[in-house]
Amino acid sequence: MSINEALKQWPAAVGALEAMGVETCCGGNASLTDAAAKAGVTLDTLTAALLASRDG
């Protein structure tokens, strides 16, 4: 799944991802794995932020 695909499902996650240093605009085509690595966070941390935004 890419950042763009994740944000289509969980648009409220944009702020949390940007706070972690994940590029949500120009880097939106990156996979979650690649985006996490580039931002210096674990995939688990990135996934937790997505799920937390889903749950409100």
N, C-alpha and C. Protein backbone atom coordinates (compact mmCIF):
# COMPACT_ATOMS: atom_id res chain seq x y z
N MET A 1 0.84 -1.17 0.00
CA MET A 1 0.00 0.00 0.00
C MET A 1 0.89 1.24 0.00
N SER A 2 0.49 2.22 -0.77
CA SER A 2 1.25 3.46 -0.82
C SER A 2 0.71 4.47 0.19
N ILE A 3 1.46 5.53 0.40
CA ILE A 3 1.01 6.61 1.27
C ILE A 3 -0.30 7.19 0.72
N ASN A 4 -0.38 7.42 -0.58
CA ASN A 4 -1.61 7.97 -1.18
C ASN A 4 -2.79 7.06 -0.94
N GLU A 5 -2.61 5.75 -1.11
CA GLU A 5 -3.70 4.80 -0.89
C GLU A 5 -4.14 4.82 0.57
N ALA A 6 -3.18 4.88 1.48
CA ALA A 6 -3.51 4.91 2.91
C ALA A 6 -4.29 6.18 3.25
N LEU A 7 -3.88 7.31 2.69
CA LEU A 7 -4.56 8.55 2.99
C LEU A 7 -5.94 8.64 2.37
N LYS A 8 -6.18 7.89 1.31
CA LYS A 8 -7.55 7.82 0.76
C LYS A 8 -8.46 7.11 1.76
N GLN A 9 -7.93 6.09 2.43
CA GLN A 9 -8.70 5.35 3.42
C GLN A 9 -8.80 6.09 4.74
N TRP A 10 -7.71 6.75 5.14
CA TRP A 10 -7.63 7.40 6.44
C TRP A 10 -7.11 8.83 6.28
N PRO A 11 -7.90 9.72 5.71
CA PRO A 11 -7.42 11.08 5.47
C PRO A 11 -7.03 11.83 6.73
N ALA A 12 -7.60 11.47 7.85
CA ALA A 12 -7.26 12.15 9.11
C ALA A 12 -5.84 11.86 9.56
N ALA A 13 -5.18 10.90 8.94
CA ALA A 13 -3.82 10.53 9.34
C ALA A 13 -2.76 11.47 8.80
N VAL A 14 -3.11 12.38 7.92
CA VAL A 14 -2.11 13.22 7.27
C VAL A 14 -1.26 13.98 8.28
N GLY A 15 -1.86 14.55 9.28
CA GLY A 15 -1.11 15.32 10.28
C GLY A 15 -0.13 14.46 11.06
N ALA A 16 -0.58 13.27 11.46
CA ALA A 16 0.28 12.37 12.22
C ALA A 16 1.46 11.90 11.37
N LEU A 17 1.21 11.60 10.11
CA LEU A 17 2.28 11.15 9.23
C LEU A 17 3.29 12.27 8.99
N GLU A 18 2.80 13.46 8.74
CA GLU A 18 3.70 14.59 8.52
C GLU A 18 4.53 14.89 9.77
N ALA A 19 3.92 14.74 10.95
CA ALA A 19 4.65 14.97 12.21
C ALA A 19 5.79 13.97 12.38
N MET A 20 5.65 12.78 11.79
CA MET A 20 6.72 11.77 11.84
C MET A 20 7.78 12.01 10.78
N GLY A 21 7.52 12.95 9.87
CA GLY A 21 8.47 13.21 8.80
C GLY A 21 8.17 12.44 7.52
N VAL A 22 6.98 11.88 7.44
CA VAL A 22 6.57 11.15 6.23
C VAL A 22 6.09 12.17 5.21
N GLU A 23 6.64 12.11 4.01
CA GLU A 23 6.26 13.01 2.92
C GLU A 23 4.92 12.53 2.36
N THR A 24 3.89 13.33 2.54
CA THR A 24 2.55 12.92 2.12
C THR A 24 2.13 13.51 0.77
N CYS A 25 2.92 14.39 0.24
CA CYS A 25 2.57 15.01 -1.04
C CYS A 25 3.41 14.40 -2.16
N CYS A 26 4.61 14.87 -2.30
CA CYS A 26 5.49 14.40 -3.38
C CYS A 26 5.92 12.95 -3.18
N GLY A 27 5.92 12.48 -1.95
CA GLY A 27 6.32 11.10 -1.67
C GLY A 27 5.14 10.16 -1.54
N GLY A 28 3.97 10.61 -1.96
CA GLY A 28 2.75 9.84 -1.78
C GLY A 28 2.71 8.51 -2.50
N ASN A 29 3.53 8.34 -3.54
CA ASN A 29 3.55 7.06 -4.26
C ASN A 29 4.43 6.03 -3.58
N ALA A 30 5.16 6.42 -2.56
CA ALA A 30 6.05 5.49 -1.86
C ALA A 30 5.22 4.48 -1.07
N SER A 31 5.77 3.29 -0.94
CA SER A 31 5.10 2.29 -0.11
C SER A 31 5.21 2.70 1.35
N LEU A 32 4.34 2.16 2.17
CA LEU A 32 4.41 2.45 3.60
C LEU A 32 5.76 2.05 4.16
N THR A 33 6.29 0.93 3.72
CA THR A 33 7.60 0.46 4.19
C THR A 33 8.69 1.45 3.84
N ASP A 34 8.72 1.88 2.59
CA ASP A 34 9.75 2.83 2.15
C ASP A 34 9.60 4.18 2.83
N ALA A 35 8.36 4.64 2.99
CA ALA A 35 8.13 5.94 3.62
C ALA A 35 8.55 5.91 5.09
N ALA A 36 8.27 4.81 5.77
CA ALA A 36 8.68 4.67 7.17
C ALA A 36 10.20 4.71 7.28
N ALA A 37 10.86 3.95 6.43
CA ALA A 37 12.32 3.90 6.47
C ALA A 37 12.92 5.27 6.19
N LYS A 38 12.39 5.97 5.21
CA LYS A 38 12.92 7.29 4.86
C LYS A 38 12.71 8.29 6.01
N ALA A 39 11.59 8.14 6.74
CA ALA A 39 11.30 9.04 7.85
C ALA A 39 12.02 8.63 9.14
N GLY A 40 12.63 7.44 9.13
CA GLY A 40 13.36 6.99 10.31
C GLY A 40 12.47 6.45 11.41
N VAL A 41 11.30 5.94 11.02
CA VAL A 41 10.39 5.31 11.98
C VAL A 41 10.14 3.87 11.55
N THR A 42 9.67 3.07 12.47
CA THR A 42 9.36 1.69 12.11
C THR A 42 8.03 1.63 11.37
N LEU A 43 7.86 0.57 10.61
CA LEU A 43 6.59 0.36 9.93
C LEU A 43 5.48 0.20 10.96
N ASP A 44 5.76 -0.42 12.09
CA ASP A 44 4.76 -0.57 13.15
C ASP A 44 4.29 0.79 13.67
N THR A 45 5.21 1.73 13.82
CA THR A 45 4.86 3.07 14.29
C THR A 45 3.98 3.78 13.28
N LEU A 46 4.35 3.69 12.02
CA LEU A 46 3.57 4.31 10.96
C LEU A 46 2.17 3.69 10.89
N THR A 47 2.11 2.38 10.94
CA THR A 47 0.82 1.68 10.89
C THR A 47 -0.05 2.05 12.08
N ALA A 48 0.54 2.15 13.26
CA ALA A 48 -0.20 2.53 14.45
C ALA A 48 -0.82 3.92 14.29
N ALA A 49 -0.10 4.84 13.68
CA ALA A 49 -0.63 6.19 13.44
C ALA A 49 -1.83 6.14 12.49
N LEU A 50 -1.75 5.30 11.46
CA LEU A 50 -2.87 5.16 10.53
C LEU A 50 -4.09 4.59 11.25
N LEU A 51 -3.87 3.55 12.02
CA LEU A 51 -4.98 2.92 12.72
C LEU A 51 -5.58 3.83 13.79
N ALA A 52 -4.75 4.59 14.48
CA ALA A 52 -5.24 5.52 15.49
C ALA A 52 -6.12 6.59 14.85
N SER A 53 -5.75 7.04 13.65
CA SER A 53 -6.57 8.06 12.98
C SER A 53 -7.89 7.48 12.51
N ARG A 54 -7.87 6.22 12.19
CA ARG A 54 -9.11 5.53 11.77
C ARG A 54 -10.09 5.44 12.94
N ASP A 55 -9.53 5.20 14.13
CA ASP A 55 -10.36 5.02 15.31
C ASP A 55 -10.79 6.34 15.94
N GLY A 56 -10.29 7.43 15.38
CA GLY A 56 -10.70 8.75 15.84
C GLY A 56 -9.85 9.26 16.92
